Amino acid sequence: MARTAQASDFTVPVEDVGIFTFARRTMRDEIAIQVEYARIIDGVTPTEWLTIVGNWLSTLRVLIVRAPAGFDLDTLDPLDDGTYKKLGAVFDALKDKERSFRSGSELAGQGGGAAAS
């Protein structure tokens, strides 16, 4: 989560978790996400669970610029059911915001810099 802030970063509030700042996804990021996913699965044939959670973790590791206090991907408790609820909520909020940037979206044009939320 030590990504350098850029003008194209955007914020996303996640209910019951906090406000996140994400990098605007680029092709380079997409490749980095796939490399991180490969590290997570470590050569095993992924189960459905590992595919989902691995995708959440790899995407968030690459795109998070700033997370709320107390949210650290490396210290989340895998035995706490709330962990998966939080991860899923953050990932879904990110995806929703990214969709709003795409042409044809009702929200397109409302995304952008760090002031956007």
PDB file of N, CA and C in Angstrom:
ATOM      1  N   MET A   1       0.814  -1.189   0.000  1.00  0.00           N
ATOM      2  CA  MET A   1       0.000   0.000   0.000  1.00  0.00           C
ATOM      3  C   MET A   1       0.861   1.257   0.000  1.00  0.00           C
ATOM      4  N   ALA A   2       2.030   1.188  -0.542  1.00  0.00           N
ATOM      5  CA  ALA A   2       2.933   2.330  -0.536  1.00  0.00           C
ATOM      6  C   ALA A   2       3.007   2.965  -1.918  1.00  0.00           C
ATOM      7  N   ARG A   3       1.912   3.073  -2.576  1.00  0.00           N
ATOM      8  CA  ARG A   3       1.888   3.645  -3.916  1.00  0.00           C
ATOM      9  C   ARG A   3       1.959   5.169  -3.815  1.00  0.00           C
ATOM     10  N   THR A   4       2.696   5.795  -4.721  1.00  0.00           N
ATOM     11  CA  THR A   4       2.828   7.246  -4.748  1.00  0.00           C
ATOM     12  C   THR A   4       1.545   7.883  -5.262  1.00  0.00           C
ATOM     13  N   ALA A   5       1.102   8.922  -4.589  1.00  0.00           N
ATOM     14  CA  ALA A   5      -0.114   9.633  -4.991  1.00  0.00           C
ATOM     15  C   ALA A   5       0.097  10.333  -6.333  1.00  0.00           C
ATOM     16  N   GLN A   6      -0.971  10.377  -7.125  1.00  0.00           N
ATOM     17  CA  GLN A   6      -0.971  11.041  -8.431  1.00  0.00           C
ATOM     18  C   GLN A   6      -2.213  11.917  -8.538  1.00  0.00           C
ATOM     19  N   ALA A   7      -2.209  12.848  -9.467  1.00  0.00           N
ATOM     20  CA  ALA A   7      -3.365  13.735  -9.666  1.00  0.00           C
ATOM     21  C   ALA A   7      -4.602  12.963 -10.102  1.00  0.00           C
ATOM     22  N   SER A   8      -4.423  11.819 -10.717  1.00  0.00           N
ATOM     23  CA  SER A   8      -5.560  11.028 -11.212  1.00  0.00           C
ATOM     24  C   SER A   8      -6.175  10.113 -10.147  1.00  0.00           C
ATOM     25  N   ASP A   9      -5.614  10.105  -8.942  1.00  0.00           N
ATOM     26  CA  ASP A   9      -6.164   9.282  -7.858  1.00  0.00           C
ATOM     27  C   ASP A   9      -7.575   9.745  -7.522  1.00  0.00           C
ATOM     28  N   PHE A  10      -8.345   8.852  -6.943  1.00  0.00           N
ATOM     29  CA  PHE A  10      -9.717   9.177  -6.565  1.00  0.00           C
ATOM     30  C   PHE A  10     -10.041   8.539  -5.226  1.00  0.00           C
ATOM     31  N   THR A  11     -11.015   9.109  -4.540  1.00  0.00           N
ATOM     32  CA  THR A  11     -11.405   8.588  -3.232  1.00  0.00           C
ATOM     33  C   THR A  11     -12.729   7.849  -3.345  1.00  0.00           C
ATOM     34  N   VAL A  12     -12.864   6.867  -2.470  1.00  0.00           N
ATOM     35  CA  VAL A  12     -14.081   6.065  -2.417  1.00  0.00           C
ATOM     36  C   VAL A  12     -14.412   5.800  -0.953  1.00  0.00           C
ATOM     37  N   PRO A  13     -15.571   6.270  -0.499  1.00  0.00           N
ATOM     38  CA  PRO A  13     -15.990   5.930   0.866  1.00  0.00           C
ATOM     39  C   PRO A  13     -16.600   4.529   0.883  1.00  0.00           C
ATOM     40  N   VAL A  14     -16.231   3.746   1.879  1.00  0.00           N
ATOM     41  CA  VAL A  14     -16.777   2.402   2.032  1.00  0.00           C
ATOM     42  C   VAL A  14     -17.436   2.339   3.402  1.00  0.00           C
ATOM     43  N   GLU A  15     -18.739   2.126   3.397  1.00  0.00           N
ATOM     44  CA  GLU A  15     -19.506   2.110   4.637  1.00  0.00           C
ATOM     45  C   GLU A  15     -18.921   1.116   5.634  1.00  0.00           C
ATOM     46  N   ASP A  16     -18.797   1.539   6.871  1.00  0.00           N
ATOM     47  CA  ASP A  16     -18.286   0.737   7.977  1.00  0.00           C
ATOM     48  C   ASP A  16     -16.802   0.379   7.855  1.00  0.00           C
ATOM     49  N   VAL A  17     -16.108   0.946   6.857  1.00  0.00           N
ATOM     50  CA  VAL A  17     -14.677   0.678   6.724  1.00  0.00           C
ATOM     51  C   VAL A  17     -13.900   1.989   6.719  1.00  0.00           C
ATOM     52  N   GLY A  18     -14.298   2.944   5.879  1.00  0.00           N
ATOM     53  CA  GLY A  18     -13.618   4.235   5.821  1.00  0.00           C
ATOM     54  C   GLY A  18     -13.446   4.729   4.405  1.00  0.00           C
ATOM     55  N   ILE A  19     -12.635   5.752   4.255  1.00  0.00           N
ATOM     56  CA  ILE A  19     -12.397   6.366   2.947  1.00  0.00           C
ATOM     57  C   ILE A  19     -11.053   5.891   2.414  1.00  0.00           C
ATOM     58  N   PHE A  20     -11.077   5.400   1.189  1.00  0.00           N
ATOM     59  CA  PHE A  20      -9.885   4.906   0.504  1.00  0.00           C
ATOM     60  C   PHE A  20      -9.515   5.848  -0.632  1.00  0.00           C
ATOM     61  N   THR A  21      -8.234   5.948  -0.901  1.00  0.00           N
ATOM     62  CA  THR A  21      -7.755   6.629  -2.098  1.00  0.00           C
ATOM     63  C   THR A  21      -7.151   5.552  -2.984  1.00  0.00           C
ATOM     64  N   PHE A  22      -7.611   5.528  -4.230  1.00  0.00           N
ATOM     65  CA  PHE A  22      -7.145   4.543  -5.204  1.00  0.00           C
ATOM     66  C   PHE A  22      -6.473   5.229  -6.378  1.00  0.00           C
ATOM     67  N   ALA A  23      -5.551   4.512  -6.992  1.00  0.00           N
ATOM     68  CA  ALA A  23      -4.945   4.952  -8.246  1.00  0.00           C
ATOM     69  C   ALA A  23      -5.893   4.636  -9.386  1.00  0.00           C
ATOM     70  N   ARG A  24      -5.908   5.486 -10.378  1.00  0.00           N
ATOM     71  CA  ARG A  24      -6.671   5.215 -11.592  1.00  0.00           C
ATOM     72  C   ARG A  24      -5.951   4.090 -12.337  1.00  0.00           C
ATOM     73  N   ARG A  25      -6.665   3.004 -12.633  1.00  0.00           N
ATOM     74  CA  ARG A  25      -6.082   1.796 -13.217  1.00  0.00           C
ATOM     75  C   ARG A  25      -5.538   2.065 -14.628  1.00  0.00           C
ATOM     76  N   THR A  26      -4.329   1.575 -14.855  1.00  0.00           N
ATOM     77  CA  THR A  26      -3.694   1.647 -16.170  1.00  0.00           C
ATOM     78  C   THR A  26      -3.384   0.226 -16.638  1.00  0.00           C
ATOM     79  N   MET A  27      -2.931   0.096 -17.854  1.00  0.00           N
ATOM     80  CA  MET A  27      -2.545  -1.222 -18.358  1.00  0.00           C
ATOM     81  C   MET A  27      -1.399  -1.792 -17.526  1.00  0.00           C
ATOM     82  N   ARG A  28      -0.476  -0.936 -17.138  1.00  0.00           N
ATOM     83  CA  ARG A  28       0.631  -1.378 -16.288  1.00  0.00           C
ATOM     84  C   ARG A  28       0.106  -1.941 -14.964  1.00  0.00           C
ATOM     85  N   ASP A  29      -0.907  -1.279 -14.395  1.00  0.00           N
ATOM     86  CA  ASP A  29      -1.521  -1.764 -13.163  1.00  0.00           C
ATOM     87  C   ASP A  29      -2.174  -3.122 -13.370  1.00  0.00           C
ATOM     88  N   GLU A  30      -2.850  -3.277 -14.485  1.00  0.00           N
ATOM     89  CA  GLU A  30      -3.526  -4.551 -14.761  1.00  0.00           C
ATOM     90  C   GLU A  30      -2.515  -5.696 -14.797  1.00  0.00           C
ATOM     91  N   ILE A  31      -1.369  -5.432 -15.386  1.00  0.00           N
ATOM     92  CA  ILE A  31      -0.301  -6.443 -15.415  1.00  0.00           C
ATOM     93  C   ILE A  31       0.217  -6.692 -13.997  1.00  0.00           C
ATOM     94  N   ALA A  32       0.419  -5.630 -13.237  1.00  0.00           N
ATOM     95  CA  ALA A  32       0.888  -5.774 -11.851  1.00  0.00           C
ATOM     96  C   ALA A  32      -0.114  -6.563 -11.009  1.00  0.00           C
ATOM     97  N   ILE A  33      -1.402  -6.353 -11.257  1.00  0.00           N
ATOM     98  CA  ILE A  33      -2.448  -7.097 -10.541  1.00  0.00           C
ATOM     99  C   ILE A  33      -2.343  -8.581 -10.874  1.00  0.00           C
ATOM    100  N   GLN A  34      -2.130  -8.909 -12.134  1.00  0.00           N
ATOM    101  CA  GLN A  34      -2.007 -10.315 -12.530  1.00  0.00           C
ATOM    102  C   GLN A  34      -0.751 -10.956 -11.946  1.00  0.00           C
ATOM    103  N   VAL A  35       0.335 -10.202 -11.882  1.00  0.00           N
ATOM    104  CA  VAL A  35       1.576 -10.710 -11.272  1.00  0.00           C
ATOM    105  C   VAL A  35       1.353 -10.964  -9.780  1.00  0.00           C
ATOM    106  N   GLU A  36       0.687 -10.032  -9.106  1.00  0.00           N
ATOM    107  CA  GLU A  36       0.400 -10.199  -7.675  1.00  0.00           C
ATOM    108  C   GLU A  36      -0.513 -11.405  -7.453  1.00  0.00           C
ATOM    109  N   TYR A  37      -1.506 -11.575  -8.316  1.00  0.00           N
ATOM    110  CA  TYR A  37      -2.406 -12.734  -8.212  1.00  0.00           C
ATOM    111  C   TYR A  37      -1.607 -14.035  -8.346  1.00  0.00           C
ATOM    112  N   ALA A  38      -0.676 -14.075  -9.297  1.00  0.00           N
ATOM    113  CA  ALA A  38       0.162 -15.269  -9.487  1.00  0.00           C
ATOM    114  C   ALA A  38       0.986 -15.552  -8.231  1.00  0.00           C
ATOM    115  N   ARG A  39       1.471 -14.503  -7.578  1.00  0.00           N
ATOM    116  CA  ARG A  39       2.216 -14.691  -6.323  1.00  0.00           C
ATOM    117  C   ARG A  39       1.313 -15.285  -5.246  1.00  0.00           C
ATOM    118  N   ILE A  40       0.084 -14.779  -5.183  1.00  0.00           N
ATOM    119  CA  ILE A  40      -0.843 -15.234  -4.144  1.00  0.00           C
ATOM    120  C   ILE A  40      -1.185 -16.705  -4.327  1.00  0.00           C
ATOM    121  N   ILE A  41      -1.495 -17.115  -5.553  1.00  0.00           N
ATOM    122  CA  ILE A  41      -1.889 -18.514  -5.745  1.00  0.00           C
ATOM    123  C   ILE A  41      -0.682 -19.439  -5.761  1.00  0.00           C
ATOM    124  N   ASP A  42       0.507 -18.901  -5.975  1.00  0.00           N
ATOM    125  CA  ASP A  42       1.764 -19.635  -5.841  1.00  0.00           C
ATOM    126  C   ASP A  42       1.778 -20.956  -6.602  1.00  0.00           C
ATOM    127  N   GLY A  43       1.217 -20.955  -7.800  1.00  0.00           N
ATOM    128  CA  GLY A  43       1.299 -22.139  -8.655  1.00  0.00           C
ATOM    129  C   GLY A  43       0.262 -23.210  -8.414  1.00  0.00           C
ATOM    130  N   VAL A  44      -0.597 -23.044  -7.414  1.00  0.00           N
ATOM    131  CA  VAL A  44      -1.630 -24.050  -7.170  1.00  0.00           C
ATOM    132  C   VAL A  44      -2.824 -23.793  -8.081  1.00  0.00           C
ATOM    133  N   THR A  45      -3.599 -24.828  -8.333  1.00  0.00           N
ATOM    134  CA  THR A  45      -4.849 -24.637  -9.058  1.00  0.00           C
ATOM    135  C   THR A  45      -5.825 -23.997  -8.090  1.00  0.00           C
ATOM    136  N   PRO A  46      -6.254 -22.759  -8.391  1.00  0.00           N
ATOM    137  CA  PRO A  46      -7.069 -22.049  -7.401  1.00  0.00           C
ATOM    138  C   PRO A  46      -8.482 -22.604  -7.273  1.00  0.00           C
ATOM    139  N   THR A  47      -8.936 -22.661  -6.050  1.00  0.00           N
ATOM    140  CA  THR A  47     -10.329 -22.992  -5.775  1.00  0.00           C
ATOM    141  C   THR A  47     -11.161 -21.750  -6.091  1.00  0.00           C
ATOM    142  N   GLU A  48     -12.472 -21.871  -6.054  1.00  0.00           N
ATOM    143  CA  GLU A  48     -13.327 -20.703  -6.289  1.00  0.00           C
ATOM    144  C   GLU A  48     -13.042 -19.633  -5.241  1.00  0.00           C
ATOM    145  N   TRP A  49     -12.881 -20.052  -3.989  1.00  0.00           N
ATOM    146  CA  TRP A  49     -12.583 -19.117  -2.908  1.00  0.00           C
ATOM    147  C   TRP A  49     -11.282 -18.377  -3.178  1.00  0.00           C
ATOM    148  N   LEU A  50     -10.233 -19.120  -3.551  1.00  0.00           N
ATOM    149  CA  LEU A  50      -8.927 -18.501  -3.793  1.00  0.00           C
ATOM    150  C   LEU A  50      -8.973 -17.571  -4.996  1.00  0.00           C
ATOM    151  N   THR A  51      -9.741 -17.909  -6.001  1.00  0.00           N
ATOM    152  CA  THR A  51      -9.882 -17.035  -7.162  1.00  0.00           C
ATOM    153  C   THR A  51     -10.484 -15.699  -6.753  1.00  0.00           C
ATOM    154  N   ILE A  52     -11.552 -15.743  -5.969  1.00  0.00           N
ATOM    155  CA  ILE A  52     -12.233 -14.516  -5.551  1.00  0.00           C
ATOM    156  C   ILE A  52     -11.362 -13.695  -4.612  1.00  0.00           C
ATOM    157  N   VAL A  53     -10.902 -14.314  -3.542  1.00  0.00           N
ATOM    158  CA  VAL A  53     -10.117 -13.590  -2.544  1.00  0.00           C
ATOM    159  C   VAL A  53      -8.774 -13.151  -3.134  1.00  0.00           C
ATOM    160  N   GLY A  54      -8.170 -13.990  -3.937  1.00  0.00           N
ATOM    161  CA  GLY A  54      -6.918 -13.618  -4.592  1.00  0.00           C
ATOM    162  C   GLY A  54      -7.092 -12.419  -5.506  1.00  0.00           C
ATOM    163  N   ASN A  55      -8.209 -12.365  -6.205  1.00  0.00           N
ATOM    164  CA  ASN A  55      -8.498 -11.225  -7.077  1.00  0.00           C
ATOM    165  C   ASN A  55      -8.693  -9.958  -6.247  1.00  0.00           C
ATOM    166  N   TRP A  56      -9.456 -10.066  -5.149  1.00  0.00           N
ATOM    167  CA  TRP A  56      -9.649  -8.901  -4.278  1.00  0.00           C
ATOM    168  C   TRP A  56      -8.306  -8.392  -3.764  1.00  0.00           C
ATOM    169  N   LEU A  57      -7.522  -9.295  -3.187  1.00  0.00           N
ATOM    170  CA  LEU A  57      -6.256  -8.894  -2.579  1.00  0.00           C
ATOM    171  C   LEU A  57      -5.276  -8.312  -3.590  1.00  0.00           C
ATOM    172  N   SER A  58      -5.122  -8.974  -4.733  1.00  0.00           N
ATOM    173  CA  SER A  58      -4.154  -8.493  -5.716  1.00  0.00           C
ATOM    174  C   SER A  58      -4.553  -7.129  -6.269  1.00  0.00           C
ATOM    175  N   THR A  59      -5.838  -6.929  -6.532  1.00  0.00           N
ATOM    176  CA  THR A  59      -6.308  -5.644  -7.043  1.00  0.00           C
ATOM    177  C   THR A  59      -6.099  -4.541  -6.011  1.00  0.00           C
ATOM    178  N   LEU A  60      -6.487  -4.806  -4.779  1.00  0.00           N
ATOM    179  CA  LEU A  60      -6.353  -3.793  -3.738  1.00  0.00           C
ATOM    180  C   LEU A  60      -4.892  -3.484  -3.426  1.00  0.00           C
ATOM    181  N   ARG A  61      -4.042  -4.503  -3.406  1.00  0.00           N
ATOM    182  CA  ARG A  61      -2.612  -4.272  -3.146  1.00  0.00           C
ATOM    183  C   ARG A  61      -2.010  -3.305  -4.164  1.00  0.00           C
ATOM    184  N   VAL A  62      -2.408  -3.434  -5.407  1.00  0.00           N
ATOM    185  CA  VAL A  62      -1.837  -2.610  -6.477  1.00  0.00           C
ATOM    186  C   VAL A  62      -2.462  -1.216  -6.521  1.00  0.00           C
ATOM    187  N   LEU A  63      -3.753  -1.109  -6.292  1.00  0.00           N
ATOM    188  CA  LEU A  63      -4.434   0.164  -6.528  1.00  0.00           C
ATOM    189  C   LEU A  63      -4.632   1.058  -5.307  1.00  0.00           C
ATOM    190  N   ILE A  64      -4.505   0.524  -4.088  1.00  0.00           N
ATOM    191  CA  ILE A  64      -4.673   1.379  -2.906  1.00  0.00           C
ATOM    192  C   ILE A  64      -3.489   2.340  -2.785  1.00  0.00           C
ATOM    193  N   VAL A  65      -3.820   3.620  -2.708  1.00  0.00           N
ATOM    194  CA  VAL A  65      -2.831   4.652  -2.439  1.00  0.00           C
ATOM    195  C   VAL A  65      -2.842   4.965  -0.943  1.00  0.00           C
ATOM    196  N   ARG A  66      -4.051   5.070  -0.380  1.00  0.00           N
ATOM    197  CA  ARG A  66      -4.208   5.362   1.041  1.00  0.00           C
ATOM    198  C   ARG A  66      -5.439   4.626   1.551  1.00  0.00           C
ATOM    199  N   ALA A  67      -5.286   3.975   2.677  1.00  0.00           N
ATOM    200  CA  ALA A  67      -6.398   3.256   3.314  1.00  0.00           C
ATOM    201  C   ALA A  67      -6.693   3.919   4.652  1.00  0.00           C
ATOM    202  N   PRO A  68      -7.902   3.737   5.148  1.00  0.00           N
ATOM    203  CA  PRO A  68      -8.216   4.313   6.463  1.00  0.00           C
ATOM    204  C   PRO A  68      -7.377   3.673   7.570  1.00  0.00           C
ATOM    205  N   ALA A  69      -7.186   4.408   8.643  1.00  0.00           N
ATOM    206  CA  ALA A  69      -6.433   3.889   9.789  1.00  0.00           C
ATOM    207  C   ALA A  69      -7.029   2.559  10.225  1.00  0.00           C
ATOM    208  N   GLY A  70      -6.163   1.605  10.478  1.00  0.00           N
ATOM    209  CA  GLY A  70      -6.607   0.303  10.954  1.00  0.00           C
ATOM    210  C   GLY A  70      -6.894  -0.705   9.852  1.00  0.00           C
ATOM    211  N   PHE A  71      -6.875  -0.277   8.586  1.00  0.00           N
ATOM    212  CA  PHE A  71      -7.106  -1.213   7.485  1.00  0.00           C
ATOM    213  C   PHE A  71      -5.763  -1.546   6.862  1.00  0.00           C
ATOM    214  N   ASP A  72      -5.330  -2.789   7.043  1.00  0.00           N
ATOM    215  CA  ASP A  72      -4.043  -3.249   6.518  1.00  0.00           C
ATOM    216  C   ASP A  72      -4.242  -4.635   5.939  1.00  0.00           C
ATOM    217  N   LEU A  73      -4.062  -4.764   4.639  1.00  0.00           N
ATOM    218  CA  LEU A  73      -4.280  -6.051   3.971  1.00  0.00           C
ATOM    219  C   LEU A  73      -3.427  -7.169   4.570  1.00  0.00           C
ATOM    220  N   ASP A  74      -2.239  -6.824   5.047  1.00  0.00           N
ATOM    221  CA  ASP A  74      -1.327  -7.842   5.566  1.00  0.00           C
ATOM    222  C   ASP A  74      -1.683  -8.339   6.962  1.00  0.00           C
ATOM    223  N   THR A  75      -2.560  -7.628   7.659  1.00  0.00           N
ATOM    224  CA  THR A  75      -2.883  -8.054   9.025  1.00  0.00           C
ATOM    225  C   THR A  75      -4.352  -8.449   9.199  1.00  0.00           C
ATOM    226  N   LEU A  76      -5.103  -8.534   8.110  1.00  0.00           N
ATOM    227  CA  LEU A  76      -6.503  -8.959   8.217  1.00  0.00           C
ATOM    228  C   LEU A  76      -6.578 -10.389   8.743  1.00  0.00           C
ATOM    229  N   ASP A  77      -7.553 -10.661   9.585  1.00  0.00           N
ATOM    230  CA  ASP A  77      -7.724 -11.972  10.212  1.00  0.00           C
ATOM    231  C   ASP A  77      -8.524 -12.893   9.289  1.00  0.00           C
ATOM    232  N   PRO A  78      -7.908 -13.932   8.739  1.00  0.00           N
ATOM    233  CA  PRO A  78      -8.612 -14.825   7.814  1.00  0.00           C
ATOM    234  C   PRO A  78      -9.685 -15.683   8.482  1.00  0.00           C
ATOM    235  N   LEU A  79      -9.684 -15.753   9.814  1.00  0.00           N
ATOM    236  CA  LEU A  79     -10.682 -16.552  10.516  1.00  0.00           C
ATOM    237  C   LEU A  79     -11.883 -15.725  10.968  1.00  0.00           C
ATOM    238  N   ASP A  80     -11.828 -14.429  10.712  1.00  0.00           N
ATOM    239  CA  ASP A  80     -12.921 -13.527  11.059  1.00  0.00           C
ATOM    240  C   ASP A  80     -13.810 -13.341   9.829  1.00  0.00           C
ATOM    241  N   ASP A  81     -15.059 -13.769   9.925  1.00  0.00           N
ATOM    242  CA  ASP A  81     -15.974 -13.631   8.788  1.00  0.00           C
ATOM    243  C   ASP A  81     -16.119 -12.178   8.345  1.00  0.00           C
ATOM    244  N   GLY A  82     -15.956 -11.245   9.255  1.00  0.00           N
ATOM    245  CA  GLY A  82     -16.043  -9.831   8.916  1.00  0.00           C
ATOM    246  C   GLY A  82     -14.959  -9.382   7.952  1.00  0.00           C
ATOM    247  N   THR A  83     -13.836 -10.090   7.952  1.00  0.00           N
ATOM    248  CA  THR A  83     -12.742  -9.763   7.043  1.00  0.00           C
ATOM    249  C   THR A  83     -13.211  -9.840   5.595  1.00  0.00           C
ATOM    250  N   TYR A  84     -13.915 -10.898   5.251  1.00  0.00           N
ATOM    251  CA  TYR A  84     -14.349 -11.100   3.867  1.00  0.00           C
ATOM    252  C   TYR A  84     -15.433 -10.109   3.479  1.00  0.00           C
ATOM    253  N   LYS A  85     -16.260  -9.749   4.443  1.00  0.00           N
ATOM    254  CA  LYS A  85     -17.285  -8.733   4.196  1.00  0.00           C
ATOM    255  C   LYS A  85     -16.610  -7.398   3.885  1.00  0.00           C
ATOM    256  N   LYS A  86     -15.590  -7.036   4.669  1.00  0.00           N
ATOM    257  CA  LYS A  86     -14.849  -5.792   4.440  1.00  0.00           C
ATOM    258  C   LYS A  86     -14.142  -5.806   3.098  1.00  0.00           C
ATOM    259  N   LEU A  87     -13.407  -6.887   2.831  1.00  0.00           N
ATOM    260  CA  LEU A  87     -12.680  -6.976   1.558  1.00  0.00           C
ATOM    261  C   LEU A  87     -13.631  -6.861   0.370  1.00  0.00           C
ATOM    262  N   GLY A  88     -14.721  -7.584   0.428  1.00  0.00           N
ATOM    263  CA  GLY A  88     -15.696  -7.546  -0.659  1.00  0.00           C
ATOM    264  C   GLY A  88     -16.305  -6.168  -0.826  1.00  0.00           C
ATOM    265  N   ALA A  89     -16.591  -5.497   0.291  1.00  0.00           N
ATOM    266  CA  ALA A  89     -17.175  -4.153   0.223  1.00  0.00           C
ATOM    267  C   ALA A  89     -16.202  -3.160  -0.398  1.00  0.00           C
ATOM    268  N   VAL A  90     -14.929  -3.240  -0.021  1.00  0.00           N
ATOM    269  CA  VAL A  90     -13.923  -2.333  -0.583  1.00  0.00           C
ATOM    270  C   VAL A  90     -13.750  -2.602  -2.069  1.00  0.00           C
ATOM    271  N   PHE A  91     -13.631  -3.871  -2.441  1.00  0.00           N
ATOM    272  CA  PHE A  91     -13.461  -4.232  -3.846  1.00  0.00           C
ATOM    273  C   PHE A  91     -14.667  -3.786  -4.675  1.00  0.00           C
ATOM    274  N   ASP A  92     -15.872  -4.038  -4.175  1.00  0.00           N
ATOM    275  CA  ASP A  92     -17.088  -3.646  -4.906  1.00  0.00           C
ATOM    276  C   ASP A  92     -17.190  -2.128  -5.052  1.00  0.00           C
ATOM    277  N   ALA A  93     -16.830  -1.392  -4.013  1.00  0.00           N
ATOM    278  CA  ALA A  93     -16.876   0.069  -4.088  1.00  0.00           C
ATOM    279  C   ALA A  93     -15.880   0.584  -5.129  1.00  0.00           C
ATOM    280  N   LEU A  94     -14.699  -0.023  -5.165  1.00  0.00           N
ATOM    281  CA  LEU A  94     -13.701   0.340  -6.172  1.00  0.00           C
ATOM    282  C   LEU A  94     -14.239   0.072  -7.573  1.00  0.00           C
ATOM    283  N   LYS A  95     -14.762  -1.128  -7.794  1.00  0.00           N
ATOM    284  CA  LYS A  95     -15.278  -1.480  -9.119  1.00  0.00           C
ATOM    285  C   LYS A  95     -16.418  -0.553  -9.547  1.00  0.00           C
ATOM    286  N   ASP A  96     -17.321  -0.227  -8.626  1.00  0.00           N
ATOM    287  CA  ASP A  96     -18.426   0.682  -8.946  1.00  0.00           C
ATOM    288  C   ASP A  96     -17.894   2.042  -9.381  1.00  0.00           C
ATOM    289  N   LYS A  97     -16.907   2.547  -8.655  1.00  0.00           N
ATOM    290  CA  LYS A  97     -16.337   3.851  -8.998  1.00  0.00           C
ATOM    291  C   LYS A  97     -15.625   3.780 -10.348  1.00  0.00           C
ATOM    292  N   GLU A  98     -14.887   2.702 -10.584  1.00  0.00           N
ATOM    293  CA  GLU A  98     -14.198   2.562 -11.872  1.00  0.00           C
ATOM    294  C   GLU A  98     -15.202   2.500 -13.022  1.00  0.00           C
ATOM    295  N   ARG A  99     -16.311   1.811 -12.821  1.00  0.00           N
ATOM    296  CA  ARG A  99     -17.338   1.755 -13.868  1.00  0.00           C
ATOM    297  C   ARG A  99     -17.884   3.139 -14.181  1.00  0.00           C
ATOM    298  N   SER A 100     -17.962   3.992 -13.181  1.00  0.00           N
ATOM    299  CA  SER A 100     -18.503   5.334 -13.395  1.00  0.00           C
ATOM    300  C   SER A 100     -17.607   6.174 -14.307  1.00  0.00           C
ATOM    301  N   PHE A 101     -16.346   5.778 -14.477  1.00  0.00           N
ATOM    302  CA  PHE A 101     -15.433   6.507 -15.352  1.00  0.00           C
ATOM    303  C   PHE A 101     -15.618   6.143 -16.829  1.00  0.00           C
ATOM    304  N   ARG A 102     -16.256   5.029 -17.099  1.00  0.00           N
ATOM    305  CA  ARG A 102     -16.366   4.523 -18.467  1.00  0.00           C
ATOM    306  C   ARG A 102     -17.453   5.255 -19.236  1.00  0.00           C
ATOM    307  N   SER A 103     -17.208   5.473 -20.525  1.00  0.00           N
ATOM    308  CA  SER A 103     -18.222   6.139 -21.343  1.00  0.00           C
ATOM    309  C   SER A 103     -19.476   5.282 -21.375  1.00  0.00           C
ATOM    310  N   GLY A 104     -20.605   5.938 -21.429  1.00  0.00           N
ATOM    311  CA  GLY A 104     -21.878   5.228 -21.416  1.00  0.00           C
ATOM    312  C   GLY A 104     -22.442   5.095 -20.023  1.00  0.00           C
ATOM    313  N   SER A 105     -21.623   5.356 -19.008  1.00  0.00           N
ATOM    314  CA  SER A 105     -22.107   5.280 -17.634  1.00  0.00           C
ATOM    315  C   SER A 105     -22.876   6.547 -17.310  1.00  0.00           C
ATOM    316  N   GLU A 106     -23.940   6.403 -16.547  1.00  0.00           N
ATOM    317  CA  GLU A 106     -24.694   7.579 -16.105  1.00  0.00           C
ATOM    318  C   GLU A 106     -23.821   8.493 -15.263  1.00  0.00           C
ATOM    319  N   LEU A 107     -22.808   7.920 -14.613  1.00  0.00           N
ATOM    320  CA  LEU A 107     -21.950   8.700 -13.734  1.00  0.00           C
ATOM    321  C   LEU A 107     -20.659   9.142 -14.413  1.00  0.00           C
ATOM    322  N   ALA A 108     -20.464   8.789 -15.680  1.00  0.00           N
ATOM    323  CA  ALA A 108     -19.222   9.134 -16.370  1.00  0.00           C
ATOM    324  C   ALA A 108     -19.029  10.642 -16.321  1.00  0.00           C
ATOM    325  N   GLY A 109     -17.791  11.034 -16.145  1.00  0.00           N
ATOM    326  CA  GLY A 109     -17.479  12.452 -16.069  1.00  0.00           C
ATOM    327  C   GLY A 109     -17.477  12.975 -14.643  1.00  0.00           C
ATOM    328  N   GLN A 110     -17.987  12.194 -13.697  1.00  0.00           N
ATOM    329  CA  GLN A 110     -17.991  12.633 -12.315  1.00  0.00           C
ATOM    330  C   GLN A 110     -16.778  12.110 -11.562  1.00  0.00           C
ATOM    331  N   GLY A 111     -15.977  11.253 -12.202  1.00  0.00           N
ATOM    332  CA  GLY A 111     -14.788  10.711 -11.559  1.00  0.00           C
ATOM    333  C   GLY A 111     -13.648  11.685 -11.678  1.00  0.00           C
ATOM    334  N   GLY A 112     -12.455  11.187 -11.423  1.00  0.00           N
ATOM    335  CA  GLY A 112     -11.294  12.039 -11.637  1.00  0.00           C
ATOM    336  C   GLY A 112     -10.454  12.190 -10.404  1.00  0.00           C
ATOM    337  N   GLY A 113      -9.941  13.388 -10.206  1.00  0.00           N
ATOM    338  CA  GLY A 113      -8.926  13.656  -9.210  1.00  0.00           C
ATOM    339  C   GLY A 113      -9.267  13.294  -7.790  1.00  0.00           C
ATOM    340  N   ALA A 114      -8.346  13.586  -6.909  1.00  0.00           N
ATOM    341  CA  ALA A 114      -8.448  13.186  -5.512  1.00  0.00           C
ATOM    342  C   ALA A 114      -9.655  13.801  -4.804  1.00  0.00           C
ATOM    343  N   ALA A 115     -10.197  14.886  -5.324  1.00  0.00           N
ATOM    344  CA  ALA A 115     -11.350  15.502  -4.679  1.00  0.00           C
ATOM    345  C   ALA A 115     -12.634  14.747  -4.961  1.00  0.00           C
ATOM    346  N   ALA A 116     -12.633  13.896  -5.991  1.00  0.00           N
ATOM    347  CA  ALA A 116     -13.833  13.140  -6.313  1.00  0.00           C
ATOM    348  C   ALA A 116     -14.089  12.090  -5.251  1.00  0.00           C
ATOM    349  N   SER A 117     -15.361  11.838  -4.956  1.00  0.00           N
ATOM    350  CA  SER A 117     -15.670  10.808  -3.965  1.00  0.00           C
ATOM    351  C   SER A 117     -16.929  10.084  -4.327  1.00  0.00           C
TER     352      SER A 117
END
